[in-house]
Amino acid sequence: MIEPGNSTTSTSDTNRTGLTGATGAPGSAGRDLRVASGVTTPLTVGVEEEFLLVDAHTLRVVPAAPLVLATAAGLPQQVHAEGTRYQVELATPVAHSAAALRADLAGLRRTLAAAARAHGCRLLAAPSPVMAVEGPLHLTDDEPRQREQHRRFGALTDTLVSCGRHIHIGTLDVDTAVAVSNRVRPWLPTLIALAANSPFWGGRDTGHSSWRAMAWSGWPSAGPPPHFTSTAHFRRSVQTLLGSGAALDTKMVYWDLRPSGNWPTLEIRAPDMSPDIDTAVLQAELGRALVATALRELAEQRPDPPVRDDVLRLARWRAAHDGLEGFGLDPYTGAELPAADLAEALLDLVAPELAAAGDLDHAAKTLGGLLRDGSGAARQRAAFARRHDLTDVLRLLVEETENF
């Protein structure tokens, strides 16, 4: 079992006017508290999933998002445009249980898949297009912000043709979200390894299990979040990003973990998009349980775990490189350990909170299946190995995406 050591506990700033503030966030039920207010409330969860649209025959990405979204227009709060016209996004309603979250994900995926088929497309739950995107990049060009982003960041915007899964855990005020972030961040590499699903990029094997995690690291506002000594420190870090030109606005705070800019939630942004719904639910269950564990430790006034930024960054790279099948780094010591051992250590750590929410059986079963059958990256490579044809990889992803 991996044990964190001791360090100085973080302090919370009393100013509550931060980047979070809306209510009704996308945000499995738990039994935990809002530490800052002392009010015991169930934790909720919501998930945002990004999808690529591919031609039903060639399986190459097509800029069909406006057509698909118009067909799915009956769900204006749940389906959205993304950074490019090759992509669509769903956002689940607030869920109070893993079962409700799973049902919402299946229903919204079904709706988007039907809308895509109506326009000769298929829905692809993959972090990358696998094959190279042909021709000029089709940004969501009706938004001036997208044009300015492309003007300022140039070729970095090529990485916008990638898809992640964002998990919102709430309800948390900004002080609490900042304090919880410090305790969740050591486990971000393990969440990346569990979701690793992007070995192929631009038509070749990248040698990494999650190339999306590496490609996204090119953005100056991306990567692991800092350890924050206070809410004021968090706000200063955001303002530094804005003032340096590294981010156009708070939406471009691309850290793997952040207090949401729109909702009273902590947003986990590290995982790759993956086609299997149960893997999505597992990520949400683990995220909620990590937040619940952090809240309990804060209430008990335990010190923050000592995690060096350089070790965390190396652990993140190793997770993206090896995925679930290789090795990772203990974020507390930097020691090399099998990635499977790190995943099981995470499950052990949060097992009491998973059990309290009724999620332990599902989480243990789903993790056991991943360890037995392989991660998304391993399954993609196995599909490619049969004929060395990337269309086999894309067919696998499409079929798994539509297995509701």
Protein backbone atom coordinates (compact mmCIF):
# COMPACT_ATOMS: atom_id res chain seq x y z
CA MET A 1 0.00 0.00 0.00
CA ILE A 2 1.35 3.42 -0.93
CA GLU A 3 1.51 5.73 2.05
CA PRO A 4 1.79 9.52 1.80
CA GLY A 5 4.22 11.21 4.15
CA ASN A 6 3.85 14.48 6.04
CA SER A 7 3.95 18.11 4.99
CA THR A 8 2.42 21.41 5.95
CA THR A 9 -1.33 21.58 5.58
CA SER A 10 -2.71 24.08 3.08
CA THR A 11 -4.63 27.11 4.26
CA SER A 12 -7.87 28.33 2.78
CA ASP A 13 -8.51 31.92 1.79
CA THR A 14 -11.78 33.41 3.02
CA ASN A 15 -12.59 35.23 -0.22
CA ARG A 16 -15.35 33.19 -1.90
CA THR A 17 -15.59 35.15 -5.16
CA GLY A 18 -13.56 32.89 -7.40
CA LEU A 19 -13.83 31.10 -10.70
CA THR A 20 -16.61 28.86 -9.42
CA GLY A 21 -20.03 30.13 -8.60
CA ALA A 22 -22.92 28.67 -10.62
CA THR A 23 -25.32 26.15 -9.17
CA GLY A 24 -26.78 23.05 -10.77
CA ALA A 25 -23.37 21.83 -11.91
CA PRO A 26 -22.71 18.75 -13.95
CA GLY A 27 -21.70 17.02 -10.97
CA SER A 28 -22.09 9.27 -7.58
CA ALA A 29 -23.60 9.92 -4.56
CA GLY A 30 -21.55 9.92 -1.37
CA ARG A 31 -21.89 10.78 2.27
CA ASP A 32 -19.51 13.65 2.54
CA LEU A 33 -19.24 17.21 3.67
CA ARG A 34 -18.50 20.60 2.36
CA VAL A 35 -15.56 21.33 4.61
CA ALA A 36 -15.56 25.10 4.21
CA SER A 37 -19.16 25.46 5.37
CA GLY A 38 -19.36 22.47 7.69
CA VAL A 39 -22.57 21.31 5.95
CA THR A 40 -22.94 17.60 5.28
CA THR A 41 -24.18 17.10 1.72
CA PRO A 42 -24.10 14.21 -0.76
CA LEU A 43 -21.47 14.55 -3.44
CA THR A 44 -22.78 14.60 -6.99
CA VAL A 45 -21.07 13.81 -10.26
CA GLY A 46 -21.40 14.88 -13.86
CA VAL A 47 -19.41 13.90 -16.92
CA GLU A 48 -18.54 15.69 -20.14
CA GLU A 49 -17.53 13.42 -23.02
CA GLU A 50 -16.03 14.57 -26.31
CA PHE A 51 -16.50 12.55 -29.51
CA LEU A 52 -15.11 12.61 -33.02
CA LEU A 53 -17.36 12.30 -36.07
CA VAL A 54 -16.10 9.96 -38.78
CA ASP A 55 -17.37 9.08 -42.23
CA ALA A 56 -19.34 5.83 -42.02
CA HIS A 57 -17.32 4.26 -44.85
CA THR A 58 -13.80 5.70 -44.70
CA LEU A 59 -13.79 6.21 -40.91
CA ARG A 60 -11.87 9.48 -41.37
CA VAL A 61 -12.98 12.55 -39.45
CA VAL A 62 -15.51 14.82 -41.15
CA PRO A 63 -16.52 18.39 -40.18
CA ALA A 64 -20.17 17.43 -39.67
CA ALA A 65 -20.74 18.76 -36.14
CA PRO A 66 -23.17 21.57 -37.14
CA LEU A 67 -25.41 19.07 -38.96
CA VAL A 68 -25.28 16.47 -36.18
CA LEU A 69 -25.96 19.01 -33.45
CA ALA A 70 -28.90 20.44 -35.39
CA THR A 71 -30.41 16.95 -35.60
CA ALA A 72 -29.87 16.45 -31.84
CA ALA A 73 -31.20 19.92 -31.04
CA GLY A 74 -33.89 18.56 -28.70
CA LEU A 75 -31.21 18.34 -25.99
CA PRO A 76 -29.71 21.83 -25.98
CA GLN A 77 -28.36 21.57 -22.42
CA GLN A 78 -26.73 18.17 -22.97
CA VAL A 79 -25.08 18.31 -26.44
CA HIS A 80 -22.64 20.97 -27.55
CA ALA A 81 -20.10 22.05 -30.12
CA GLU A 82 -16.40 21.61 -29.38
CA GLY A 83 -13.23 23.30 -30.58
CA THR A 84 -13.45 21.86 -34.09
CA ARG A 85 -16.26 20.87 -36.41
CA TYR A 86 -15.05 17.27 -36.26
CA GLN A 87 -16.26 17.02 -32.67
CA VAL A 88 -19.39 16.99 -30.52
CA GLU A 89 -19.71 16.91 -26.76
CA LEU A 90 -22.27 15.59 -24.32
CA ALA A 91 -22.75 16.76 -20.75
CA THR A 92 -24.75 14.60 -18.36
CA PRO A 93 -27.22 16.05 -15.90
CA VAL A 94 -26.23 16.09 -12.24
CA ALA A 95 -26.21 12.48 -11.03
CA HIS A 96 -26.61 11.22 -7.48
CA SER A 97 -25.62 7.61 -8.20
CA ALA A 98 -23.36 5.69 -10.54
CA ALA A 99 -26.38 3.85 -11.94
CA ALA A 100 -28.06 7.14 -12.88
CA LEU A 101 -24.84 8.41 -14.43
CA ARG A 102 -24.48 5.26 -16.53
CA ALA A 103 -28.07 5.55 -17.77
CA ASP A 104 -27.52 9.21 -18.70
CA LEU A 105 -24.33 8.42 -20.59
CA ALA A 106 -25.96 5.58 -22.52
CA GLY A 107 -29.00 7.67 -23.43
CA LEU A 108 -27.01 10.68 -24.61
CA ARG A 109 -24.58 8.53 -26.57
CA ARG A 110 -27.53 6.80 -28.24
CA THR A 111 -29.00 10.15 -29.25
CA LEU A 112 -25.72 11.46 -30.67
CA ALA A 113 -25.01 8.19 -32.50
CA ALA A 114 -28.43 8.30 -34.17
CA ALA A 115 -27.90 11.94 -35.19
CA ALA A 116 -24.50 11.07 -36.63
CA ARG A 117 -25.90 8.16 -38.65
CA ALA A 118 -28.54 10.46 -40.10
CA HIS A 119 -25.71 12.36 -41.79
CA GLY A 120 -23.63 9.41 -42.94
CA CYS A 121 -21.33 9.51 -39.92
CA ARG A 122 -20.43 7.35 -36.97
CA LEU A 123 -19.64 8.44 -33.44
CA LEU A 124 -16.06 7.75 -32.33
CA ALA A 125 -15.19 7.76 -28.62
CA ALA A 126 -11.47 8.10 -29.14
CA PRO A 127 -8.90 10.65 -27.98
CA SER A 128 -7.43 10.99 -31.48
CA PRO A 129 -8.55 10.51 -35.10
CA VAL A 130 -5.94 7.67 -35.33
CA MET A 131 -5.21 8.59 -38.96
CA ALA A 132 -3.95 12.00 -40.01
CA VAL A 133 -6.51 14.77 -40.54
CA GLU A 134 -6.52 15.75 -44.21
CA GLY A 135 -6.66 19.33 -45.44
CA PRO A 136 -6.91 22.55 -43.38
CA LEU A 137 -8.21 22.32 -39.84
CA HIS A 138 -11.93 23.02 -39.53
CA LEU A 139 -12.24 25.04 -36.31
CA THR A 140 -15.58 26.02 -34.88
CA ASP A 141 -15.24 29.12 -37.00
CA ASP A 142 -18.40 30.89 -35.90
CA GLU A 143 -16.70 31.75 -32.60
CA PRO A 144 -14.22 34.67 -32.64
CA ARG A 145 -12.52 33.13 -29.62
CA GLN A 146 -11.55 30.06 -31.67
CA ARG A 147 -10.07 32.23 -34.41
CA GLU A 148 -8.06 34.23 -31.87
CA GLN A 149 -6.85 31.02 -30.23
CA HIS A 150 -5.62 29.76 -33.60
CA ARG A 151 -3.96 33.10 -34.38
CA ARG A 152 -2.07 33.20 -31.07
CA PHE A 153 -1.16 29.56 -30.61
CA GLY A 154 -0.70 28.44 -34.21
CA ALA A 155 0.10 24.74 -34.66
CA LEU A 156 -0.78 23.99 -31.04
CA THR A 157 -4.42 24.20 -32.13
CA ASP A 158 -3.87 21.01 -34.16
CA THR A 159 -4.13 19.18 -30.85
CA LEU A 160 -7.71 20.43 -30.50
CA VAL A 161 -8.71 17.47 -32.68
CA SER A 162 -8.53 15.28 -29.60
CA CYS A 163 -11.06 14.15 -27.06
CA GLY A 164 -11.02 13.82 -23.30
CA ARG A 165 -13.44 13.04 -20.53
CA HIS A 166 -14.04 15.67 -17.84
CA ILE A 167 -15.49 14.61 -14.50
CA HIS A 168 -17.14 17.19 -12.24
CA ILE A 169 -17.49 16.44 -8.53
CA GLY A 170 -19.65 18.78 -6.47
CA THR A 171 -20.98 20.68 -4.79
CA LEU A 172 -17.77 22.40 -3.62
CA ASP A 173 -17.09 26.08 -3.06
CA VAL A 174 -13.81 27.37 -4.45
CA ASP A 175 -11.94 27.24 -1.11
CA THR A 176 -12.82 23.60 -0.64
CA ALA A 177 -12.11 22.70 -4.27
CA VAL A 178 -8.62 24.21 -4.01
CA ALA A 179 -7.86 22.34 -0.78
CA VAL A 180 -9.17 19.06 -2.23
CA SER A 181 -7.13 19.53 -5.41
CA ASN A 182 -3.91 19.28 -3.41
CA ARG A 183 -4.90 15.83 -2.19
CA VAL A 184 -6.26 14.46 -5.48
CA ARG A 185 -3.35 15.56 -7.68
CA PRO A 186 -0.96 12.72 -6.68
CA TRP A 187 -3.37 10.23 -8.27
CA LEU A 188 -3.76 11.98 -11.62
CA PRO A 189 -1.08 9.80 -13.28
CA THR A 190 -2.93 6.65 -12.21
CA LEU A 191 -6.18 8.00 -13.65
CA ILE A 192 -4.30 8.68 -16.91
CA ALA A 193 -2.97 5.10 -16.98
CA LEU A 194 -6.42 3.64 -16.34
CA ALA A 195 -7.94 5.60 -19.24
CA ALA A 196 -4.99 5.35 -21.67
CA ASN A 197 -6.54 5.01 -25.10
CA SER A 198 -4.48 6.97 -27.64
CA PRO A 199 -1.48 4.96 -28.85
CA PHE A 200 -2.05 5.94 -32.50
CA TRP A 201 -1.82 9.52 -33.71
CA GLY A 202 -1.38 10.85 -37.22
CA GLY A 203 -1.34 7.36 -38.72
CA ARG A 204 1.40 5.82 -36.58
CA ASP A 205 2.04 4.21 -33.22
CA THR A 206 3.47 6.93 -30.98
CA GLY A 207 5.13 4.53 -28.55
CA HIS A 208 2.87 5.94 -25.81
CA SER A 209 -0.37 4.57 -24.45
CA SER A 210 -1.86 8.06 -24.02
CA TRP A 211 -0.35 10.31 -26.64
CA ARG A 212 -3.21 12.73 -26.02
CA ALA A 213 -1.80 13.39 -22.55
CA MET A 214 1.57 14.20 -24.11
CA ALA A 215 0.22 16.25 -27.02
CA TRP A 216 -1.98 18.28 -24.69
CA SER A 217 1.06 19.01 -22.51
CA GLY A 218 2.30 21.30 -25.25
CA TRP A 219 -0.18 23.96 -24.16
CA PRO A 220 1.49 26.31 -21.68
CA SER A 221 -1.55 26.21 -19.41
CA ALA A 222 -1.78 22.38 -19.30
CA GLY A 223 -0.33 19.61 -17.17
CA PRO A 224 -0.51 18.90 -13.44
CA PRO A 225 -1.83 21.76 -11.32
CA PRO A 226 0.46 23.37 -8.77
CA HIS A 227 0.17 22.64 -5.07
CA PHE A 228 -1.77 25.65 -3.78
CA THR A 229 -1.01 27.11 -0.37
CA SER A 230 -4.30 29.04 -0.38
CA THR A 231 -7.20 30.09 -2.55
CA ALA A 232 -5.39 33.38 -3.11
CA HIS A 233 -2.42 31.39 -4.44
CA PHE A 234 -4.75 29.58 -6.85
CA ARG A 235 -6.14 32.86 -8.13
CA ARG A 236 -2.66 34.32 -8.56
CA SER A 237 -1.64 31.27 -10.59
CA VAL A 238 -4.64 31.74 -12.88
CA GLN A 239 -3.91 35.45 -13.26
CA THR A 240 -0.29 34.63 -14.13
CA LEU A 241 -1.47 32.37 -16.95
CA LEU A 242 -3.74 35.12 -18.26
CA GLY A 243 -1.21 37.91 -17.87
CA SER A 244 1.56 35.96 -19.59
CA GLY A 245 -0.54 35.28 -22.65
CA ALA A 246 -0.52 31.53 -21.96
CA ALA A 247 -4.33 31.54 -21.78
CA LEU A 248 -6.91 33.72 -23.50
CA ASP A 249 -9.37 33.31 -20.63
CA THR A 250 -10.15 31.05 -17.70
CA LYS A 251 -11.59 28.41 -20.08
CA MET A 252 -8.01 27.88 -21.22
CA VAL A 253 -6.78 26.87 -17.77
CA TYR A 254 -6.08 23.37 -19.05
CA TRP A 255 -4.65 21.82 -15.89
CA ASP A 256 -5.42 18.11 -15.41
CA LEU A 257 -7.42 19.12 -12.34
CA ARG A 258 -9.01 22.46 -11.53
CA PRO A 259 -11.86 24.16 -9.72
CA SER A 260 -14.37 24.57 -12.52
CA GLY A 261 -14.76 27.99 -14.06
CA ASN A 262 -18.51 27.48 -14.56
CA TRP A 263 -19.77 25.22 -11.80
CA PRO A 264 -19.21 24.69 -8.05
CA THR A 265 -17.20 21.55 -8.74
CA LEU A 266 -13.72 20.14 -8.89
CA GLU A 267 -13.08 19.12 -12.51
CA ILE A 268 -10.84 16.14 -13.35
CA ARG A 269 -9.64 16.64 -16.93
CA ALA A 270 -6.75 14.16 -17.21
CA PRO A 271 -8.40 10.99 -18.61
CA ASP A 272 -8.48 10.05 -22.28
CA MET A 273 -11.85 9.54 -23.88
CA SER A 274 -12.64 5.82 -24.07
CA PRO A 275 -15.49 3.95 -25.75
CA ASP A 276 -16.51 1.70 -22.86
CA ILE A 277 -19.23 3.26 -20.68
CA ASP A 278 -18.27 1.21 -17.62
CA THR A 279 -14.74 2.61 -17.82
CA ALA A 280 -16.27 6.09 -17.85
CA VAL A 281 -18.33 5.25 -14.78
CA LEU A 282 -15.24 3.81 -13.06
CA GLN A 283 -13.40 7.08 -13.60
CA ALA A 284 -16.33 8.99 -12.10
CA GLU A 285 -16.57 6.61 -9.13
CA LEU A 286 -12.86 6.90 -8.39
CA GLY A 287 -12.93 10.66 -8.82
CA ARG A 288 -15.87 11.06 -6.44
CA ALA A 289 -14.26 8.73 -3.92
CA LEU A 290 -10.95 10.62 -4.10
CA VAL A 291 -12.78 13.87 -3.37
CA ALA A 292 -14.71 12.22 -0.54
CA THR A 293 -11.47 10.86 0.94
CA ALA A 294 -9.86 14.29 0.72
CA LEU A 295 -12.83 15.92 2.44
CA ARG A 296 -12.62 13.43 5.28
CA GLU A 297 -8.88 14.03 5.69
CA LEU A 298 -9.39 17.80 5.67
CA ALA A 299 -12.08 17.47 8.33
CA GLU A 300 -9.59 15.44 10.39
CA GLN A 301 -6.99 18.20 9.80
CA ARG A 302 -4.47 15.83 8.28
CA PRO A 303 -1.51 17.47 6.53
CA ASP A 304 -1.32 17.54 2.76
CA PRO A 305 0.68 14.65 1.25
CA PRO A 306 4.20 15.70 0.20
CA VAL A 307 4.40 15.40 -3.58
CA ARG A 308 7.23 17.06 -5.49
CA ASP A 309 6.22 18.76 -8.71
CA ASP A 310 9.11 17.21 -10.65
CA VAL A 311 8.19 13.70 -9.48
CA LEU A 312 4.53 14.25 -10.33
CA ARG A 313 5.41 15.43 -13.83
CA LEU A 314 7.63 12.37 -14.36
CA ALA A 315 4.87 10.10 -13.01
CA ARG A 316 2.46 11.70 -15.46
CA TRP A 317 4.79 11.00 -18.38
CA ARG A 318 5.38 7.40 -17.29
CA ALA A 319 1.62 6.83 -17.00
CA ALA A 320 1.08 8.25 -20.49
CA HIS A 321 3.92 6.13 -21.87
CA ASP A 322 3.26 2.76 -20.22
CA GLY A 323 -0.46 2.95 -19.57
CA LEU A 324 -1.91 0.18 -17.47
CA GLU A 325 0.26 -2.59 -18.86
CA GLY A 326 3.68 -1.28 -17.85
CA PHE A 327 5.13 0.58 -14.91
CA GLY A 328 4.41 3.83 -13.16
CA LEU A 329 6.01 5.96 -10.47
CA ASP A 330 4.88 6.19 -6.88
CA PRO A 331 4.00 9.90 -6.73
CA TYR A 332 5.19 10.17 -3.14
CA THR A 333 8.61 8.53 -3.54
CA GLY A 334 9.30 8.32 -7.27
CA ALA A 335 9.85 4.55 -6.96
CA GLU A 336 9.00 2.46 -10.02
CA LEU A 337 6.01 0.16 -9.50
CA PRO A 338 3.78 -1.89 -11.80
CA ALA A 339 0.96 0.31 -13.04
CA ALA A 340 -1.50 -2.38 -11.97
CA ASP A 341 -0.20 -2.12 -8.39
CA LEU A 342 -0.74 1.64 -8.43
CA ALA A 343 -4.30 1.16 -9.71
CA GLU A 344 -5.03 -1.35 -6.97
CA ALA A 345 -3.48 0.96 -4.38
CA LEU A 346 -5.87 3.70 -5.51
CA LEU A 347 -8.81 1.33 -5.18
CA ASP A 348 -7.66 0.34 -1.68
CA LEU A 349 -7.28 3.98 -0.65
CA VAL A 350 -10.79 5.00 -1.64
CA ALA A 351 -12.56 1.67 -0.93
CA PRO A 352 -14.36 2.99 2.21
CA GLU A 353 -15.87 5.88 0.25
CA LEU A 354 -16.74 3.65 -2.70
CA ALA A 355 -18.48 1.26 -0.31
CA ALA A 356 -20.39 4.10 1.36
CA ALA A 357 -21.68 5.22 -2.06
CA GLY A 358 -22.58 1.67 -3.16
CA ASP A 359 -19.93 1.79 -5.89
CA LEU A 360 -17.28 -0.61 -4.60
CA ASP A 361 -18.51 -3.76 -6.37
CA HIS A 362 -18.81 -2.04 -9.74
CA ALA A 363 -15.46 -0.27 -9.40
CA ALA A 364 -13.62 -3.45 -8.35
CA LYS A 365 -15.25 -5.49 -11.14
CA THR A 366 -14.50 -2.90 -13.83
CA LEU A 367 -10.91 -2.42 -12.70
CA GLY A 368 -10.46 -6.19 -12.58
CA GLY A 369 -11.71 -6.39 -16.17
CA LEU A 370 -9.24 -3.76 -17.33
CA LEU A 371 -6.35 -5.53 -15.62
CA ARG A 372 -7.45 -8.85 -17.14
CA ASP A 373 -8.42 -7.77 -20.67
CA GLY A 374 -6.15 -4.78 -21.18
CA SER A 375 -6.54 -1.04 -21.43
CA GLY A 376 -8.01 0.72 -24.43
CA ALA A 377 -4.49 1.30 -25.76
CA ALA A 378 -3.67 -2.41 -25.49
CA ARG A 379 -6.89 -3.38 -27.28
CA GLN A 380 -6.16 -0.93 -30.10
CA ARG A 381 -2.67 -2.32 -30.57
CA ALA A 382 -4.01 -5.89 -30.58
CA ALA A 383 -6.54 -4.94 -33.29
CA PHE A 384 -3.77 -3.35 -35.39
CA ALA A 385 -1.42 -6.32 -34.95
CA ARG A 386 -3.79 -8.70 -36.76
CA ARG A 387 -3.45 -7.05 -40.21
CA HIS A 388 -1.41 -3.89 -39.60
CA ASP A 389 -4.38 -1.89 -40.83
CA LEU A 390 -5.49 1.20 -38.89
CA THR A 391 -9.05 0.85 -40.17
CA ASP A 392 -9.29 -2.24 -37.93
CA VAL A 393 -8.49 0.00 -34.98
CA LEU A 394 -11.16 2.49 -36.01
CA ARG A 395 -13.77 -0.25 -36.52
CA LEU A 396 -13.04 -1.55 -33.02
CA LEU A 397 -13.47 1.93 -31.55
CA VAL A 398 -16.72 2.61 -33.42
CA GLU A 399 -18.18 -0.74 -32.38
CA GLU A 400 -17.23 -0.24 -28.72
CA THR A 401 -18.57 3.34 -28.79
CA GLU A 402 -21.99 2.17 -29.95
CA ASN A 403 -22.17 -0.73 -27.47
CA PHE A 404 -24.66 1.04 -25.24
